[in-house]
Amino acid sequence: MSTTPLTSDQINELAHALSSARKDVRILDGFPGPIPNTLEEAYVVQDRCIEASDQPIVGWKVGMVPPELREKLGNERILGPVFKDVRIDLTEAQSTGEAFELPVFAGGFIAIEPELVIETNQDIAPGSINTAEGVEHLVKAVYAGIEIASSPVIDLNGYGPTAIASDIGNQYGVILGTAIPDWKTAITSMETSTTINDELINTAATDGILNGPMSAFAFMIECCAERGITLPAGSLCSSGAITGVHETLVGSTSTVKFGDVSTMNFTLVDNK
């Protein structure tokens, strides 16, 4: 990564390369341009990618910055848009064991991430919320969920947080399972597990992400405020990987369990 700021032409060319590869379902052997030096640059690229999409935004995914890069980049987390066409609301049967399919970029980057998905209960205008005073009052519901991280860039995560943020946060699906009853209490004693191809990959405390899911929710509100983005009521926050970012392949079968609340069985399929 260079320390030279990207020019406006480089930013536009990078956004075009990333957004067109997604639109055309075209796999890229590497990151298609210079990697942004800062998250601020990356969000400008992301904004251009958003402008190139014909889909409305229904929420945002929150991802983590590796600890060794947090001081340099000035943040612990990154943000990426969730477009309407990759929001999937499961039926009750699918939330409790009935198998379903999820599309991904075959040959590109593919990972599954069990996540709590938080829904807002009101419009949130930039600067209207002091998150230091708490954000729980802004929650309509919390769902057992899954984020699908998938990109045409084969090894996107290997290029670091600014590359990930540029490519809309490596976002290709937020899956809403069961709304968790009495979520404030329930998630404090719940465990989430991920199994891929019949192998248990990991089990972790459902509320165990850095500083808890409300911290991720607050970050979404703050980052959107800084970028001048209003969050409409009903916006989603995919709050961060609970058991990890689990890279896998088309054809793999997975089970994500949120305690006794939700069991989601799915197969990854080619999005073509």
Protein backbone atom coordinates (compact mmCIF):
# COMPACT_ATOMS: atom_id res chain seq x y z
CA MET A 1 0.00 0.00 0.00
CA SER A 2 1.36 3.38 -1.03
CA THR A 3 1.11 6.49 1.13
CA THR A 4 0.20 8.65 -1.87
CA PRO A 5 -3.46 9.74 -1.81
CA LEU A 6 -5.61 8.36 -4.59
CA THR A 7 -6.57 10.80 -7.32
CA SER A 8 -10.23 11.34 -8.21
CA ASP A 9 -9.63 9.41 -11.45
CA GLN A 10 -8.14 6.46 -9.54
CA ILE A 11 -11.09 6.45 -7.15
CA ASN A 12 -13.59 6.49 -10.01
CA GLU A 13 -11.75 3.79 -11.95
CA LEU A 14 -11.50 1.58 -8.88
CA ALA A 15 -15.19 1.98 -8.06
CA HIS A 16 -16.12 1.20 -11.67
CA ALA A 17 -13.95 -1.94 -11.70
CA LEU A 18 -15.41 -3.23 -8.43
CA SER A 19 -19.06 -2.38 -9.12
CA SER A 20 -19.03 -3.65 -12.70
CA ALA A 21 -17.45 -6.95 -11.65
CA ARG A 22 -20.30 -7.48 -9.19
CA LYS A 23 -22.93 -6.45 -11.73
CA ASP A 24 -21.48 -8.65 -14.47
CA VAL A 25 -20.66 -11.55 -12.08
CA ARG A 26 -17.06 -11.45 -13.30
CA ILE A 27 -14.29 -12.90 -11.11
CA LEU A 28 -11.17 -10.76 -10.58
CA ASP A 29 -7.76 -12.37 -9.99
CA GLY A 30 -6.68 -9.50 -7.74
CA PHE A 31 -7.69 -6.12 -6.36
CA PRO A 32 -8.32 -4.02 -9.49
CA GLY A 33 -6.33 -0.91 -8.67
CA PRO A 34 -4.40 0.90 -5.94
CA ILE A 35 -5.52 0.07 -2.41
CA PRO A 36 -6.87 3.12 -0.55
CA ASN A 37 -4.53 4.40 2.16
CA THR A 38 -7.23 5.40 4.63
CA LEU A 39 -10.76 4.44 5.53
CA GLU A 40 -11.85 7.92 4.42
CA GLU A 41 -10.57 7.17 0.90
CA ALA A 42 -12.15 3.72 1.01
CA TYR A 43 -15.55 5.20 1.87
CA VAL A 44 -15.32 7.55 -1.11
CA VAL A 45 -14.77 4.49 -3.33
CA GLN A 46 -17.66 2.79 -1.55
CA ASP A 47 -19.90 5.81 -2.14
CA ARG A 48 -19.15 5.58 -5.88
CA CYS A 49 -20.00 1.87 -5.84
CA ILE A 50 -23.29 2.67 -4.09
CA GLU A 51 -24.06 5.27 -6.76
CA ALA A 52 -23.45 2.63 -9.45
CA SER A 53 -26.00 0.26 -7.93
CA ASP A 54 -29.68 0.31 -8.84
CA GLN A 55 -30.60 -1.21 -5.48
CA PRO A 56 -31.80 0.67 -2.38
CA ILE A 57 -29.85 0.20 0.84
CA VAL A 58 -31.75 -1.67 3.57
CA GLY A 59 -29.00 -1.70 6.18
CA TRP A 60 -25.29 -1.88 6.91
CA LYS A 61 -22.81 -4.58 7.83
CA VAL A 62 -20.21 -3.91 10.50
CA GLY A 63 -16.82 -5.59 10.19
CA MET A 64 -13.70 -5.60 12.32
CA VAL A 65 -10.32 -3.98 11.73
CA PRO A 66 -7.48 -6.29 12.85
CA PRO A 67 -6.00 -5.12 16.18
CA GLU A 68 -2.60 -4.34 14.66
CA LEU A 69 -4.17 -1.87 12.17
CA ARG A 70 -6.61 -0.06 14.46
CA GLU A 71 -4.25 2.72 15.52
CA LYS A 72 -3.08 3.34 11.95
CA LEU A 73 -6.60 3.44 10.51
CA GLY A 74 -8.12 5.22 13.50
CA ASN A 75 -10.97 2.78 14.05
CA GLU A 76 -11.85 -0.70 15.27
CA ARG A 77 -14.57 -1.30 12.71
CA ILE A 78 -15.60 -0.75 9.09
CA LEU A 79 -19.00 -0.32 7.44
CA GLY A 80 -20.56 -1.60 4.22
CA PRO A 81 -24.03 -1.30 2.67
CA VAL A 82 -26.60 -4.09 2.51
CA PHE A 83 -28.58 -3.82 -0.71
CA LYS A 84 -32.23 -4.86 -0.92
CA ASP A 85 -31.60 -7.71 -3.37
CA VAL A 86 -29.36 -9.55 -0.90
CA ARG A 87 -31.63 -9.22 2.13
CA ILE A 88 -33.25 -12.61 2.78
CA ASP A 89 -36.04 -13.04 5.31
CA LEU A 90 -36.35 -16.70 6.23
CA THR A 91 -39.64 -18.44 6.79
CA GLU A 92 -40.34 -19.92 10.21
CA ALA A 93 -39.58 -23.36 8.77
CA GLN A 94 -36.22 -22.19 7.36
CA SER A 95 -35.37 -20.56 10.69
CA THR A 96 -35.93 -23.87 12.47
CA GLY A 97 -34.18 -26.39 10.27
CA GLU A 98 -35.67 -26.51 6.77
CA ALA A 99 -32.82 -26.36 4.25
CA PHE A 100 -32.39 -23.41 1.87
CA GLU A 101 -29.83 -22.08 -0.64
CA LEU A 102 -27.71 -18.92 -0.61
CA PRO A 103 -25.99 -17.52 -3.74
CA VAL A 104 -22.32 -16.49 -3.77
CA PHE A 105 -19.62 -15.52 -6.29
CA ALA A 106 -18.33 -18.93 -7.36
CA GLY A 107 -14.56 -18.67 -7.73
CA GLY A 108 -14.42 -15.41 -5.79
CA PHE A 109 -14.16 -14.74 -2.07
CA ILE A 110 -16.75 -16.67 -0.05
CA ALA A 111 -17.28 -16.75 3.72
CA ILE A 112 -20.16 -17.22 6.12
CA GLU A 113 -20.50 -15.31 9.39
CA PRO A 114 -23.15 -15.92 12.05
CA GLU A 115 -24.27 -12.50 13.30
CA LEU A 116 -26.89 -10.79 15.38
CA VAL A 117 -28.90 -8.53 13.09
CA ILE A 118 -30.36 -5.43 14.75
CA GLU A 119 -33.37 -3.55 13.34
CA THR A 120 -33.89 0.15 14.05
CA ASN A 121 -37.24 1.38 15.37
CA GLN A 122 -37.10 4.94 14.01
CA ASP A 123 -35.45 7.22 11.49
CA ILE A 124 -31.98 8.29 12.63
CA ALA A 125 -30.77 11.54 11.07
CA PRO A 126 -27.06 12.43 11.09
CA GLY A 127 -26.08 13.96 14.42
CA SER A 128 -29.44 13.30 16.08
CA ILE A 129 -28.17 10.60 18.46
CA ASN A 130 -25.53 10.82 21.17
CA THR A 131 -24.47 7.17 21.22
CA ALA A 132 -22.55 7.69 24.47
CA GLU A 133 -25.95 7.83 26.18
CA GLY A 134 -26.83 4.35 24.88
CA VAL A 135 -28.56 2.95 21.79
CA GLU A 136 -30.78 0.14 23.11
CA HIS A 137 -33.82 2.42 22.93
CA LEU A 138 -33.37 2.51 19.14
CA VAL A 139 -33.76 -1.28 18.73
CA LYS A 140 -36.98 -2.67 17.29
CA ALA A 141 -35.82 -6.30 17.18
CA VAL A 142 -32.70 -8.47 17.22
CA TYR A 143 -32.56 -11.47 14.91
CA ALA A 144 -30.53 -14.63 14.68
CA GLY A 145 -28.78 -14.04 11.39
CA ILE A 146 -26.04 -14.80 8.91
CA GLU A 147 -23.87 -12.54 6.82
CA ILE A 148 -22.64 -13.85 3.51
CA ALA A 149 -19.31 -12.24 2.67
CA SER A 150 -18.66 -12.73 -1.03
CA SER A 151 -16.82 -10.72 -3.66
CA PRO A 152 -15.62 -11.13 -7.24
CA VAL A 153 -12.10 -10.40 -5.89
CA ILE A 154 -10.69 -13.86 -5.16
CA ASP A 155 -8.66 -12.93 -2.06
CA LEU A 156 -10.33 -9.66 -1.06
CA ASN A 157 -9.80 -10.01 2.70
CA GLY A 158 -6.06 -10.45 2.14
CA TYR A 159 -5.80 -6.85 0.91
CA GLY A 160 -6.88 -5.39 4.24
CA PRO A 161 -9.70 -3.29 5.69
CA THR A 162 -9.53 -0.40 3.21
CA ALA A 163 -9.86 -2.78 0.26
CA ILE A 164 -12.77 -4.54 1.98
CA ALA A 165 -14.53 -1.26 2.73
CA SER A 166 -14.03 -0.14 -0.88
CA ASP A 167 -15.79 -3.25 -2.18
CA ILE A 168 -18.96 -2.45 -0.18
CA GLY A 169 -17.59 -4.20 2.89
CA ASN A 170 -17.35 -7.59 1.13
CA GLN A 171 -21.14 -7.77 1.56
CA TYR A 172 -23.36 -10.20 -0.35
CA GLY A 173 -26.19 -11.12 1.93
CA VAL A 174 -27.86 -10.56 5.26
CA ILE A 175 -30.10 -13.42 6.26
CA LEU A 176 -32.73 -12.83 8.94
CA GLY A 177 -33.81 -15.83 10.94
CA THR A 178 -35.85 -15.81 14.12
CA ALA A 179 -36.42 -12.62 16.07
CA ILE A 180 -34.95 -13.40 19.50
CA PRO A 181 -37.54 -13.04 22.28
CA ASP A 182 -36.37 -10.98 25.27
CA TRP A 183 -33.09 -10.44 23.41
CA LYS A 184 -31.39 -8.31 26.06
CA THR A 185 -31.42 -11.20 28.50
CA ALA A 186 -31.38 -14.09 26.04
CA ILE A 187 -28.13 -13.27 24.27
CA THR A 188 -26.16 -13.05 27.52
CA SER A 189 -26.51 -16.80 28.10
CA MET A 190 -26.82 -18.04 24.50
CA GLU A 191 -24.16 -19.76 22.42
CA THR A 192 -23.85 -19.67 18.63
CA SER A 193 -22.22 -22.44 16.62
CA THR A 194 -21.13 -22.95 13.02
CA THR A 195 -20.84 -26.32 11.29
CA ILE A 196 -19.57 -26.65 7.71
CA ASN A 197 -19.77 -29.94 5.79
CA ASP A 198 -20.66 -31.76 9.02
CA GLU A 199 -17.58 -30.42 10.86
CA LEU A 200 -18.14 -28.21 13.91
CA ILE A 201 -16.01 -25.13 13.18
CA ASN A 202 -16.57 -23.04 16.31
CA THR A 203 -18.90 -22.22 19.16
CA ALA A 204 -18.90 -18.82 20.88
CA ALA A 205 -20.94 -16.62 23.19
CA THR A 206 -23.66 -14.96 21.12
CA ASP A 207 -22.93 -11.53 22.62
CA GLY A 208 -19.16 -12.02 22.53
CA ILE A 209 -18.08 -9.67 19.74
CA LEU A 210 -15.83 -6.74 20.70
CA ASN A 211 -17.62 -4.70 23.41
CA GLY A 212 -20.92 -6.40 22.49
CA PRO A 213 -23.45 -5.96 19.67
CA MET A 214 -24.67 -2.57 20.91
CA SER A 215 -21.16 -1.24 20.35
CA ALA A 216 -21.37 -2.32 16.70
CA PHE A 217 -24.85 -0.77 16.46
CA ALA A 218 -23.51 2.50 17.87
CA PHE A 219 -20.65 2.42 15.38
CA MET A 220 -23.08 2.08 12.48
CA ILE A 221 -25.01 5.13 13.71
CA GLU A 222 -21.82 7.17 14.22
CA CYS A 223 -20.21 6.23 10.92
CA CYS A 224 -23.39 6.98 8.97
CA ALA A 225 -23.68 10.32 10.76
CA GLU A 226 -20.12 11.23 9.80
CA ARG A 227 -20.94 10.38 6.18
CA GLY A 228 -24.20 12.35 6.18
CA ILE A 229 -26.34 9.22 5.83
CA THR A 230 -29.84 9.01 7.34
CA LEU A 231 -30.90 5.60 8.63
CA PRO A 232 -34.62 5.04 7.91
CA ALA A 233 -36.74 3.14 10.43
CA GLY A 234 -36.35 -0.58 9.77
CA SER A 235 -32.67 -0.30 8.79
CA LEU A 236 -30.62 -3.37 9.62
CA CYS A 237 -27.25 -3.61 11.36
CA SER A 238 -25.39 -6.86 10.78
CA SER A 239 -23.31 -6.49 13.89
CA GLY A 240 -20.21 -8.66 13.42
CA ALA A 241 -19.01 -12.24 13.18
CA ILE A 242 -19.74 -14.22 16.35
CA THR A 243 -17.88 -17.47 15.67
CA GLY A 244 -15.51 -16.05 13.06
CA VAL A 245 -15.22 -15.40 9.33
CA HIS A 246 -15.41 -18.89 7.85
CA GLU A 247 -14.14 -19.15 4.28
CA THR A 248 -15.74 -21.91 2.25
CA LEU A 249 -16.75 -22.95 -1.28
CA VAL A 250 -19.78 -23.29 -3.52
CA GLY A 251 -21.56 -26.54 -2.73
CA SER A 252 -20.68 -26.54 0.95
CA THR A 253 -23.45 -27.20 3.43
CA SER A 254 -23.59 -25.33 6.72
CA THR A 255 -25.57 -25.18 9.93
CA VAL A 256 -25.70 -22.06 12.10
CA LYS A 257 -27.36 -22.43 15.49
CA PHE A 258 -28.36 -19.72 17.93
CA GLY A 259 -28.96 -21.73 21.10
CA ASP A 260 -32.45 -23.23 21.04
CA VAL A 261 -33.87 -20.20 19.21
CA SER A 262 -32.83 -20.84 15.60
CA THR A 263 -31.20 -23.54 13.47
CA MET A 264 -30.37 -22.53 9.90
CA ASN A 265 -29.31 -25.22 7.41
CA PHE A 266 -28.14 -24.01 4.01
CA THR A 267 -26.10 -24.75 0.90
CA LEU A 268 -24.03 -22.19 -1.00
CA VAL A 269 -24.78 -22.03 -4.74
CA ASP A 270 -23.37 -20.21 -7.78
CA ASN A 271 -25.03 -16.81 -8.26
CA LYS A 272 -25.00 -17.07 -12.07
